[in-house]
Each structure stands twice: as structure tokens, then as C-alpha cells.
Amino acid sequence: MSASNANNIGQWRNQFQVVIAGSNGYVNQSLDTSSGYSQGIYLKDASIKAPVDCNGNNTALQQTIFSSGTPFDPKLCAAACSSLELCQFFNTYILYKNGTALGQNCALYSESWNSTYSDSTGYWNGGYHYTVGASYAFSNATNPGICKKGTMSSSSPTSSHAPVTSSTASGSKATTSTR
């Protein structure tokens, strides 16, 4: 995912050295839409840092990390979100600890947030540096959970943020924590 892990310099075969003369790396910025959720928005190497909703409620529900070596799959997070009655939005990304991937993180929310809230690129905890890579955001296609004073509604948002919208952007072990 970065220049730091592009370290294949070649190999020896019999008496010949095979070298890598050129290499390009790409990140697929579009993913299959999970059933019932909007097309994912690519947030690069930042995760959503959601504020409280228009009623002062915390919108973060829980975090789950899939770490058994399964491929990156937003459907894992969609299933986790769909299993919670209040969940309307999720942000999924690869969580790194000191540059080593820990797994696919799923941050679940009761309300949708747009890319302007994707400003969390990492944090330090003790001597460990946690960072984010390949981050995507998905909203519930039927009810994105946009806050209105005194209620939650999917129509005519009156809060100061916009819902996540679709755009064309450039089996497993799970650990769950509730915020």
C-alpha cells in the first residue's frame, strides 16, 4: 500500500540475477456496493471523525476489526452495521500499527457523515503509532440517518452536515468494541 512495502528487488535464478526494472502500484478506489448501502466513497488514508449529532448525541456505535487474513471486504462491515438497529453508516479501512496491518476496521455510526469529516489519519497510544489506509465510507441507501432536531430522519436534513453521497472517486476473526 505504500513505497515502504515495495521491497521486491528481484532474485537469483541459477547464475542470473533477475531484477525489477519498474513497478507501479495502484489502489482500487471503487468497491462493490454492499446490498442496502450506497456506493462507497474513497477517503484515502483518513477515517471519519464524527462529531455529535444535532441533538448532542454521540453517533459512534462500535468498532469491529476483522483480522484473520480475510481479504478486504466492505460486506463484512455492512453485515455488522445491518445487525444493529441504529446503524445507518460505516467507515471501513485497514488499521496499521507501526506500519503493520492489523486488519480491516469497521467503525459503525447511527448517522451518515460526508468526506469533510474524514480528518483522522492516525494516533499514538503508548509507543505505538496507529494509522489508516484504504478508507471507504458507506451510507444506508434507504435511511442514511440524517439528524433533525428531536428525531432522526432521512429527509430534508436540518443539521450542519450533509449526508454521504455517491461519487466516482479517484469466516473471520472479529474484535468488537463499543464506544
N, C-alpha and C. Protein backbone atom coordinates (compact mmCIF):
# COMPACT_ATOMS: atom_id res chain seq x y z
N MET A 1 0.80 -1.21 0.00
CA MET A 1 0.00 0.00 0.00
C MET A 1 0.84 1.27 0.00
N SER A 2 2.15 1.13 0.19
CA SER A 2 3.00 2.31 0.20
C SER A 2 4.36 1.96 -0.35
N ALA A 3 5.18 2.97 -0.57
CA ALA A 3 6.53 2.74 -1.08
C ALA A 3 7.35 1.92 -0.09
N SER A 4 7.04 2.00 1.20
CA SER A 4 7.81 1.28 2.20
C SER A 4 7.67 -0.24 2.09
N ASN A 5 6.57 -0.72 1.53
CA ASN A 5 6.44 -2.18 1.40
C ASN A 5 6.66 -2.64 -0.04
N ALA A 6 7.14 -1.76 -0.91
CA ALA A 6 7.51 -2.14 -2.27
C ALA A 6 8.98 -2.51 -2.25
N ASN A 7 9.29 -3.70 -1.74
CA ASN A 7 10.68 -4.05 -1.49
C ASN A 7 11.15 -5.29 -2.24
N ASN A 8 10.46 -5.69 -3.30
CA ASN A 8 10.89 -6.82 -4.10
C ASN A 8 11.92 -6.32 -5.10
N ILE A 9 13.20 -6.65 -4.86
CA ILE A 9 14.26 -6.17 -5.74
C ILE A 9 14.68 -7.23 -6.75
N GLY A 10 14.08 -8.38 -6.71
CA GLY A 10 14.40 -9.44 -7.66
C GLY A 10 14.92 -10.68 -6.95
N GLN A 11 15.59 -11.54 -7.72
CA GLN A 11 16.10 -12.79 -7.16
C GLN A 11 17.15 -13.38 -8.10
N TRP A 12 17.88 -14.35 -7.57
CA TRP A 12 18.85 -15.08 -8.39
C TRP A 12 18.21 -16.36 -8.90
N ARG A 13 18.41 -16.65 -10.18
CA ARG A 13 17.97 -17.91 -10.78
C ARG A 13 19.19 -18.51 -11.48
N ASN A 14 19.65 -19.62 -10.93
CA ASN A 14 20.91 -20.23 -11.39
C ASN A 14 22.00 -19.18 -11.32
N GLN A 15 22.60 -18.83 -12.44
CA GLN A 15 23.69 -17.87 -12.44
C GLN A 15 23.26 -16.48 -12.90
N PHE A 16 21.96 -16.26 -12.99
CA PHE A 16 21.45 -14.98 -13.48
C PHE A 16 20.67 -14.26 -12.37
N GLN A 17 20.89 -12.98 -12.31
CA GLN A 17 20.12 -12.19 -11.37
C GLN A 17 18.95 -11.54 -12.11
N VAL A 18 17.74 -11.80 -11.64
CA VAL A 18 16.53 -11.18 -12.19
C VAL A 18 16.24 -9.96 -11.32
N VAL A 19 16.12 -8.78 -11.96
CA VAL A 19 15.86 -7.55 -11.21
C VAL A 19 14.54 -6.95 -11.63
N ILE A 20 13.98 -6.15 -10.77
CA ILE A 20 12.75 -5.42 -11.06
C ILE A 20 13.17 -4.06 -11.62
N ALA A 21 12.82 -3.79 -12.87
CA ALA A 21 13.26 -2.56 -13.52
C ALA A 21 12.24 -1.44 -13.34
N GLY A 22 11.00 -1.77 -13.15
CA GLY A 22 9.97 -0.75 -12.98
C GLY A 22 8.74 -1.39 -12.37
N SER A 23 8.06 -0.66 -11.55
CA SER A 23 6.89 -1.21 -10.89
C SER A 23 5.93 -0.08 -10.55
N ASN A 24 4.66 -0.32 -10.78
CA ASN A 24 3.63 0.65 -10.43
C ASN A 24 2.67 0.02 -9.45
N GLY A 25 2.21 0.77 -8.49
CA GLY A 25 1.20 0.30 -7.54
C GLY A 25 -0.04 1.16 -7.65
N TYR A 26 -1.19 0.53 -7.52
CA TYR A 26 -2.45 1.24 -7.64
C TYR A 26 -3.40 0.84 -6.52
N VAL A 27 -4.27 1.74 -6.13
CA VAL A 27 -5.32 1.46 -5.16
C VAL A 27 -6.64 1.55 -5.89
N ASN A 28 -7.42 0.47 -5.85
CA ASN A 28 -8.75 0.49 -6.46
C ASN A 28 -9.62 1.41 -5.61
N GLN A 29 -10.10 2.48 -6.22
CA GLN A 29 -10.86 3.46 -5.46
C GLN A 29 -12.36 3.24 -5.53
N SER A 30 -12.79 2.14 -6.10
CA SER A 30 -14.22 1.82 -6.09
C SER A 30 -14.38 0.37 -5.66
N LEU A 31 -15.41 0.13 -4.91
CA LEU A 31 -15.69 -1.20 -4.39
C LEU A 31 -17.11 -1.58 -4.74
N ASP A 32 -17.38 -2.87 -4.74
CA ASP A 32 -18.75 -3.33 -4.94
C ASP A 32 -19.63 -2.74 -3.85
N THR A 33 -20.78 -2.26 -4.25
CA THR A 33 -21.73 -1.74 -3.28
C THR A 33 -22.36 -2.89 -2.52
N SER A 34 -22.34 -2.80 -1.22
CA SER A 34 -23.00 -3.80 -0.40
C SER A 34 -24.50 -3.59 -0.50
N SER A 35 -25.24 -4.67 -0.55
CA SER A 35 -26.69 -4.60 -0.67
C SER A 35 -27.27 -3.73 0.44
N GLY A 36 -28.05 -2.73 0.05
CA GLY A 36 -28.69 -1.83 1.01
C GLY A 36 -27.86 -0.62 1.37
N TYR A 37 -26.66 -0.49 0.78
CA TYR A 37 -25.79 0.64 1.10
C TYR A 37 -25.38 1.37 -0.17
N SER A 38 -25.09 2.66 -0.03
CA SER A 38 -24.66 3.50 -1.15
C SER A 38 -23.30 3.04 -1.67
N GLN A 39 -22.95 3.50 -2.85
CA GLN A 39 -21.62 3.24 -3.39
C GLN A 39 -20.60 3.84 -2.42
N GLY A 40 -19.55 3.11 -2.12
CA GLY A 40 -18.54 3.59 -1.18
C GLY A 40 -17.78 4.79 -1.70
N ILE A 41 -17.47 5.71 -0.81
CA ILE A 41 -16.68 6.89 -1.14
C ILE A 41 -15.27 6.65 -0.62
N TYR A 42 -14.29 6.80 -1.49
CA TYR A 42 -12.88 6.58 -1.13
C TYR A 42 -12.36 7.78 -0.34
N LEU A 43 -11.87 7.53 0.87
CA LEU A 43 -11.39 8.59 1.75
C LEU A 43 -9.86 8.58 1.90
N LYS A 44 -9.20 7.78 1.08
CA LYS A 44 -7.73 7.66 1.07
C LYS A 44 -7.23 7.12 2.40
N ASP A 45 -6.34 7.85 3.05
CA ASP A 45 -5.70 7.38 4.29
C ASP A 45 -6.21 8.12 5.52
N ALA A 46 -7.51 8.37 5.56
CA ALA A 46 -8.13 9.05 6.70
C ALA A 46 -9.47 8.39 7.01
N SER A 47 -9.80 8.39 8.28
CA SER A 47 -11.09 7.83 8.69
C SER A 47 -12.00 8.95 9.18
N ILE A 48 -13.27 8.62 9.30
CA ILE A 48 -14.27 9.58 9.76
C ILE A 48 -14.06 9.87 11.25
N LYS A 49 -14.07 11.13 11.58
CA LYS A 49 -14.04 11.58 12.98
C LYS A 49 -15.32 12.37 13.18
N ALA A 50 -16.38 11.65 13.51
CA ALA A 50 -17.71 12.26 13.56
C ALA A 50 -17.94 13.01 14.86
N PRO A 51 -18.51 14.20 14.75
CA PRO A 51 -18.91 14.93 15.95
C PRO A 51 -20.25 14.38 16.46
N VAL A 52 -20.80 15.01 17.46
CA VAL A 52 -22.13 14.63 17.94
C VAL A 52 -23.16 15.09 16.93
N ASP A 53 -24.35 14.49 16.98
CA ASP A 53 -25.41 14.87 16.04
C ASP A 53 -26.06 16.18 16.47
N CYS A 54 -27.07 16.61 15.75
CA CYS A 54 -27.71 17.91 16.02
C CYS A 54 -28.44 17.94 17.35
N ASN A 55 -28.63 16.78 18.00
CA ASN A 55 -29.26 16.72 19.32
C ASN A 55 -28.22 16.54 20.43
N GLY A 56 -26.94 16.56 20.06
CA GLY A 56 -25.87 16.41 21.05
C GLY A 56 -25.55 14.96 21.38
N ASN A 57 -26.05 14.01 20.60
CA ASN A 57 -25.79 12.59 20.86
C ASN A 57 -24.56 12.11 20.09
N ASN A 58 -23.79 11.24 20.73
CA ASN A 58 -22.66 10.61 20.06
C ASN A 58 -23.21 9.67 18.99
N THR A 59 -22.70 9.74 17.78
CA THR A 59 -23.20 8.89 16.69
C THR A 59 -22.38 7.62 16.52
N ALA A 60 -21.22 7.54 17.18
CA ALA A 60 -20.39 6.33 17.09
C ALA A 60 -21.05 5.22 17.89
N LEU A 61 -21.24 4.06 17.25
CA LEU A 61 -21.88 2.93 17.92
C LEU A 61 -20.87 1.90 18.40
N GLN A 62 -20.02 1.43 17.51
CA GLN A 62 -19.00 0.45 17.88
C GLN A 62 -17.95 0.33 16.79
N GLN A 63 -16.85 -0.33 17.14
CA GLN A 63 -15.79 -0.63 16.18
C GLN A 63 -15.56 -2.13 16.19
N THR A 64 -15.35 -2.69 15.02
CA THR A 64 -15.05 -4.11 14.89
C THR A 64 -13.85 -4.24 13.97
N ILE A 65 -12.92 -5.13 14.30
CA ILE A 65 -11.77 -5.36 13.42
C ILE A 65 -11.74 -6.83 13.03
N PHE A 66 -11.62 -7.07 11.73
CA PHE A 66 -11.51 -8.41 11.18
C PHE A 66 -10.04 -8.65 10.89
N SER A 67 -9.47 -9.65 11.56
CA SER A 67 -8.02 -9.80 11.50
C SER A 67 -7.54 -11.22 11.19
N SER A 68 -8.37 -12.04 10.59
CA SER A 68 -7.94 -13.42 10.35
C SER A 68 -7.37 -13.64 8.96
N GLY A 69 -6.98 -12.59 8.29
CA GLY A 69 -6.39 -12.75 6.97
C GLY A 69 -7.40 -12.77 5.83
N THR A 70 -8.67 -12.52 6.14
CA THR A 70 -9.66 -12.46 5.07
C THR A 70 -9.38 -11.24 4.20
N PRO A 71 -9.71 -11.30 2.92
CA PRO A 71 -9.49 -10.11 2.08
C PRO A 71 -10.37 -8.94 2.52
N PHE A 72 -9.93 -7.75 2.16
CA PHE A 72 -10.70 -6.54 2.48
C PHE A 72 -12.06 -6.65 1.81
N ASP A 73 -13.12 -6.60 2.61
CA ASP A 73 -14.47 -6.78 2.07
C ASP A 73 -15.46 -5.91 2.84
N PRO A 74 -15.98 -4.83 2.23
CA PRO A 74 -16.93 -3.96 2.91
C PRO A 74 -18.20 -4.69 3.35
N LYS A 75 -18.49 -5.82 2.73
CA LYS A 75 -19.69 -6.58 3.10
C LYS A 75 -19.62 -7.07 4.54
N LEU A 76 -18.40 -7.28 5.07
CA LEU A 76 -18.26 -7.65 6.48
C LEU A 76 -18.80 -6.53 7.38
N CYS A 77 -18.47 -5.29 7.04
CA CYS A 77 -18.93 -4.14 7.81
C CYS A 77 -20.42 -3.90 7.58
N ALA A 78 -20.88 -4.12 6.35
CA ALA A 78 -22.32 -3.94 6.06
C ALA A 78 -23.13 -4.91 6.91
N ALA A 79 -22.67 -6.14 7.05
CA ALA A 79 -23.39 -7.12 7.88
C ALA A 79 -23.37 -6.70 9.34
N ALA A 80 -22.22 -6.20 9.82
CA ALA A 80 -22.13 -5.73 11.21
C ALA A 80 -23.06 -4.55 11.44
N CYS A 81 -23.10 -3.62 10.48
CA CYS A 81 -23.97 -2.44 10.61
C CYS A 81 -25.44 -2.86 10.57
N SER A 82 -25.78 -3.74 9.64
CA SER A 82 -27.17 -4.18 9.50
C SER A 82 -27.67 -4.93 10.73
N SER A 83 -26.74 -5.50 11.50
CA SER A 83 -27.15 -6.24 12.70
C SER A 83 -27.52 -5.32 13.86
N LEU A 84 -27.20 -4.04 13.75
CA LEU A 84 -27.54 -3.07 14.79
C LEU A 84 -28.70 -2.20 14.33
N GLU A 85 -29.71 -2.11 15.14
CA GLU A 85 -30.92 -1.36 14.76
C GLU A 85 -30.63 0.09 14.41
N LEU A 86 -29.74 0.75 15.14
CA LEU A 86 -29.48 2.17 14.93
C LEU A 86 -28.44 2.47 13.86
N CYS A 87 -27.71 1.49 13.39
CA CYS A 87 -26.61 1.73 12.47
C CYS A 87 -27.12 2.13 11.08
N GLN A 88 -26.62 3.28 10.59
CA GLN A 88 -27.00 3.80 9.28
C GLN A 88 -25.80 4.08 8.39
N PHE A 89 -24.58 3.93 8.92
CA PHE A 89 -23.38 4.37 8.21
C PHE A 89 -22.18 3.60 8.75
N PHE A 90 -21.25 3.26 7.86
CA PHE A 90 -20.00 2.69 8.34
C PHE A 90 -18.82 3.20 7.54
N ASN A 91 -17.68 3.26 8.21
CA ASN A 91 -16.40 3.63 7.61
C ASN A 91 -15.49 2.42 7.81
N THR A 92 -14.96 1.89 6.72
CA THR A 92 -14.08 0.74 6.82
C THR A 92 -12.72 1.07 6.23
N TYR A 93 -11.68 0.55 6.85
CA TYR A 93 -10.32 0.85 6.43
C TYR A 93 -9.37 -0.19 7.00
N ILE A 94 -8.13 -0.19 6.46
CA ILE A 94 -7.08 -1.02 7.02
C ILE A 94 -6.45 -0.23 8.16
N LEU A 95 -6.39 -0.85 9.35
CA LEU A 95 -5.76 -0.24 10.51
C LEU A 95 -4.35 -0.78 10.63
N TYR A 96 -3.38 0.13 10.72
CA TYR A 96 -1.97 -0.24 10.84
C TYR A 96 -1.45 0.12 12.22
N LYS A 97 -0.58 -0.73 12.74
CA LYS A 97 0.12 -0.46 14.00
C LYS A 97 1.61 -0.46 13.68
N ASN A 98 2.24 0.70 13.80
CA ASN A 98 3.64 0.87 13.45
C ASN A 98 3.94 0.37 12.05
N GLY A 99 3.03 0.61 11.11
CA GLY A 99 3.23 0.26 9.72
C GLY A 99 2.83 -1.15 9.33
N THR A 100 2.42 -1.98 10.29
CA THR A 100 2.00 -3.35 10.01
C THR A 100 0.47 -3.43 10.09
N ALA A 101 -0.14 -4.00 9.06
CA ALA A 101 -1.60 -4.10 9.03
C ALA A 101 -2.11 -5.02 10.14
N LEU A 102 -3.07 -4.50 10.91
CA LEU A 102 -3.72 -5.30 11.95
C LEU A 102 -4.97 -5.99 11.42
N GLY A 103 -5.62 -5.38 10.43
CA GLY A 103 -6.83 -5.95 9.86
C GLY A 103 -7.74 -4.87 9.32
N GLN A 104 -8.93 -5.31 8.94
CA GLN A 104 -9.94 -4.40 8.40
C GLN A 104 -10.79 -3.89 9.56
N ASN A 105 -10.79 -2.59 9.78
CA ASN A 105 -11.58 -1.98 10.84
C ASN A 105 -12.92 -1.52 10.29
N CYS A 106 -13.96 -1.70 11.08
CA CYS A 106 -15.31 -1.23 10.75
C CYS A 106 -15.76 -0.30 11.86
N ALA A 107 -15.93 0.97 11.56
CA ALA A 107 -16.46 1.94 12.51
C ALA A 107 -17.92 2.17 12.14
N LEU A 108 -18.82 1.89 13.07
CA LEU A 108 -20.26 1.94 12.81
C LEU A 108 -20.88 3.16 13.48
N TYR A 109 -21.80 3.83 12.75
CA TYR A 109 -22.40 5.07 13.23
C TYR A 109 -23.92 5.06 13.04
N SER A 110 -24.60 5.86 13.84
CA SER A 110 -26.06 5.99 13.74
C SER A 110 -26.47 7.06 12.74
N GLU A 111 -25.50 7.76 12.18
CA GLU A 111 -25.78 8.85 11.26
C GLU A 111 -24.71 8.90 10.18
N SER A 112 -25.07 9.33 9.00
CA SER A 112 -24.13 9.44 7.88
C SER A 112 -23.33 10.74 7.96
N TRP A 113 -22.07 10.65 7.53
CA TRP A 113 -21.17 11.80 7.53
C TRP A 113 -20.48 11.88 6.19
N ASN A 114 -20.25 13.09 5.69
CA ASN A 114 -19.58 13.22 4.40
C ASN A 114 -18.07 13.27 4.57
N SER A 115 -17.37 13.38 3.46
CA SER A 115 -15.91 13.29 3.47
C SER A 115 -15.23 14.44 4.21
N THR A 116 -15.93 15.53 4.49
CA THR A 116 -15.30 16.62 5.24
C THR A 116 -14.98 16.19 6.67
N TYR A 117 -15.57 15.09 7.13
CA TYR A 117 -15.29 14.58 8.48
C TYR A 117 -14.22 13.48 8.46
N SER A 118 -13.57 13.28 7.31
CA SER A 118 -12.52 12.26 7.23
C SER A 118 -11.17 12.91 7.49
N ASP A 119 -10.96 13.31 8.73
CA ASP A 119 -9.73 14.01 9.06
C ASP A 119 -8.89 13.28 10.11
N SER A 120 -9.21 12.04 10.39
CA SER A 120 -8.45 11.27 11.36
C SER A 120 -7.47 10.36 10.62
N THR A 121 -6.20 10.70 10.63
CA THR A 121 -5.20 9.93 9.90
C THR A 121 -4.41 8.98 10.79
N GLY A 122 -4.63 9.05 12.07
CA GLY A 122 -3.93 8.15 12.99
C GLY A 122 -3.78 8.75 14.36
N TYR A 123 -3.16 7.98 15.24
CA TYR A 123 -2.96 8.43 16.61
C TYR A 123 -1.85 7.61 17.26
N TRP A 124 -1.34 8.13 18.35
CA TRP A 124 -0.33 7.43 19.14
C TRP A 124 -1.00 6.90 20.40
N ASN A 125 -0.65 5.69 20.79
CA ASN A 125 -1.13 5.09 22.04
C ASN A 125 0.07 4.39 22.66
N GLY A 126 0.59 4.97 23.73
CA GLY A 126 1.84 4.46 24.29
C GLY A 126 2.94 4.69 23.27
N GLY A 127 3.71 3.69 22.99
CA GLY A 127 4.77 3.80 21.99
C GLY A 127 4.34 3.32 20.62
N TYR A 128 3.05 3.12 20.42
CA TYR A 128 2.54 2.57 19.16
C TYR A 128 1.87 3.65 18.32
N HIS A 129 2.17 3.62 17.02
CA HIS A 129 1.57 4.57 16.10
C HIS A 129 0.55 3.83 15.24
N TYR A 130 -0.70 4.21 15.35
CA TYR A 130 -1.80 3.61 14.59
C TYR A 130 -2.15 4.54 13.43
N THR A 131 -2.23 3.98 12.22
CA THR A 131 -2.56 4.78 11.04
C THR A 131 -3.64 4.07 10.22
N VAL A 132 -4.15 4.79 9.24
CA VAL A 132 -5.29 4.35 8.43
C VAL A 132 -4.87 4.25 6.96
N GLY A 133 -5.39 3.25 6.25
CA GLY A 133 -5.16 3.14 4.82
C GLY A 133 -6.39 2.57 4.13
N ALA A 134 -6.56 2.86 2.88
CA ALA A 134 -7.66 2.32 2.06
C ALA A 134 -9.02 2.50 2.74
N SER A 135 -9.36 3.72 3.08
CA SER A 135 -10.59 4.03 3.82
C SER A 135 -11.76 4.32 2.87
N TYR A 136 -12.92 3.75 3.21
CA TYR A 136 -14.15 3.93 2.43
C TYR A 136 -15.32 4.17 3.39
N ALA A 137 -16.30 4.94 2.93
CA ALA A 137 -17.50 5.24 3.72
C ALA A 137 -18.73 4.81 2.95
N PHE A 138 -19.71 4.24 3.66
CA PHE A 138 -20.96 3.76 3.07
C PHE A 138 -22.14 4.21 3.94
N SER A 139 -23.23 4.64 3.29
CA SER A 139 -24.46 5.02 3.98
C SER A 139 -25.55 4.01 3.67
N ASN A 140 -26.48 3.86 4.61
CA ASN A 140 -27.67 3.06 4.36
C ASN A 140 -28.43 3.73 3.22
N ALA A 141 -28.71 2.97 2.15
CA ALA A 141 -29.35 3.54 0.96
C ALA A 141 -30.79 3.96 1.21
N THR A 142 -31.47 3.31 2.15
CA THR A 142 -32.87 3.62 2.43
C THR A 142 -33.00 4.75 3.44
N ASN A 143 -32.21 4.70 4.51
CA ASN A 143 -32.28 5.71 5.57
C ASN A 143 -30.87 6.03 6.02
N PRO A 144 -30.27 7.09 5.48
CA PRO A 144 -28.91 7.43 5.87
C PRO A 144 -28.79 8.00 7.28
N GLY A 145 -29.94 8.20 7.97
CA GLY A 145 -29.89 8.64 9.36
C GLY A 145 -29.47 10.07 9.54
N ILE A 146 -30.04 10.98 8.79
CA ILE A 146 -29.70 12.39 8.92
C ILE A 146 -30.51 12.98 10.07
N CYS A 147 -29.81 13.65 10.95
CA CYS A 147 -30.42 14.15 12.18
C CYS A 147 -31.28 15.39 11.95
N LYS A 148 -32.44 15.40 12.59
CA LYS A 148 -33.28 16.59 12.68
C LYS A 148 -33.50 16.82 14.17
N LYS A 149 -33.59 18.03 14.57
CA LYS A 149 -33.79 18.33 15.99
C LYS A 149 -34.93 17.50 16.55
N GLY A 150 -34.61 16.73 17.60
CA GLY A 150 -35.62 15.95 18.29
C GLY A 150 -35.91 14.60 17.68
N THR A 151 -35.34 14.28 16.51
CA THR A 151 -35.64 13.00 15.86
C THR A 151 -34.54 12.65 14.86
N MET A 152 -34.60 11.46 14.33
CA MET A 152 -33.72 11.05 13.23
C MET A 152 -34.60 10.88 12.01
N SER A 153 -34.15 11.38 10.86
CA SER A 153 -34.95 11.27 9.66
C SER A 153 -34.04 11.21 8.44
N SER A 154 -34.54 10.62 7.37
CA SER A 154 -33.75 10.57 6.14
C SER A 154 -34.13 11.68 5.18
N SER A 155 -35.07 12.53 5.55
CA SER A 155 -35.49 13.58 4.62
C SER A 155 -35.09 14.96 5.13
N SER A 156 -34.80 15.85 4.22
CA SER A 156 -34.50 17.25 4.48
C SER A 156 -33.66 17.48 5.72
N PRO A 157 -32.37 17.22 5.63
CA PRO A 157 -31.54 17.42 6.81
C PRO A 157 -31.53 18.87 7.26
N THR A 158 -31.61 19.07 8.58
CA THR A 158 -31.53 20.42 9.12
C THR A 158 -30.25 20.61 9.91
N SER A 159 -29.46 19.55 10.01
CA SER A 159 -28.21 19.68 10.75
C SER A 159 -27.17 20.36 9.87
N SER A 160 -26.02 20.64 10.46
CA SER A 160 -25.00 21.41 9.76
C SER A 160 -24.11 20.56 8.85
N HIS A 161 -24.42 19.32 8.69
CA HIS A 161 -23.61 18.48 7.81
C HIS A 161 -24.48 17.84 6.74
N ALA A 162 -23.83 17.41 5.70
CA ALA A 162 -24.55 16.80 4.58
C ALA A 162 -24.40 15.29 4.63
N PRO A 163 -25.34 14.57 4.07
CA PRO A 163 -25.22 13.12 4.04
C PRO A 163 -24.10 12.69 3.10
N VAL A 164 -23.63 11.48 3.30
CA VAL A 164 -22.66 10.92 2.38
C VAL A 164 -23.39 10.66 1.08
N THR A 165 -22.81 11.09 -0.01
CA THR A 165 -23.43 10.86 -1.31
C THR A 165 -22.48 10.06 -2.19
N SER A 166 -23.04 9.40 -3.16
CA SER A 166 -22.22 8.61 -4.07
C SER A 166 -21.43 9.55 -4.95
N SER A 167 -20.20 9.13 -5.26
CA SER A 167 -19.39 9.88 -6.19
C SER A 167 -18.41 8.92 -6.84
N THR A 168 -17.95 9.28 -7.99
CA THR A 168 -16.91 8.48 -8.62
C THR A 168 -15.61 9.02 -8.08
N ALA A 169 -14.96 8.29 -7.24
CA ALA A 169 -13.73 8.69 -6.59
C ALA A 169 -12.58 7.95 -7.22
N SER A 170 -11.56 9.18 -7.34
CA SER A 170 -10.41 8.60 -7.96
C SER A 170 -10.30 7.12 -7.39
N GLY A 171 -16.56 -16.46 8.31
CA GLY A 171 -15.39 -16.63 8.37
C GLY A 171 -14.25 -16.01 8.97
N SER A 172 -14.33 -14.91 9.64
CA SER A 172 -13.10 -14.29 10.07
C SER A 172 -13.18 -13.92 11.52
N LYS A 173 -12.01 -13.68 12.09
CA LYS A 173 -11.92 -13.32 13.50
C LYS A 173 -12.26 -11.85 13.62
N ALA A 174 -13.17 -11.51 14.49
CA ALA A 174 -13.55 -10.11 14.67
C ALA A 174 -13.42 -9.73 16.13
N THR A 175 -12.95 -8.52 16.37
CA THR A 175 -12.88 -7.95 17.70
C THR A 175 -13.77 -6.71 17.69
N THR A 176 -14.67 -6.61 18.65
CA THR A 176 -15.62 -5.51 18.68
C THR A 176 -15.44 -4.69 19.95
N SER A 177 -15.53 -3.37 19.80
CA SER A 177 -15.54 -2.51 20.97
C SER A 177 -16.65 -1.50 20.80
N THR A 178 -17.33 -1.17 21.88
CA THR A 178 -18.40 -0.19 21.86
C THR A 178 -17.85 1.09 22.44
N ARG A 179 -18.19 2.19 21.79
CA ARG A 179 -17.72 3.49 22.28
C ARG A 179 -18.61 4.00 23.37
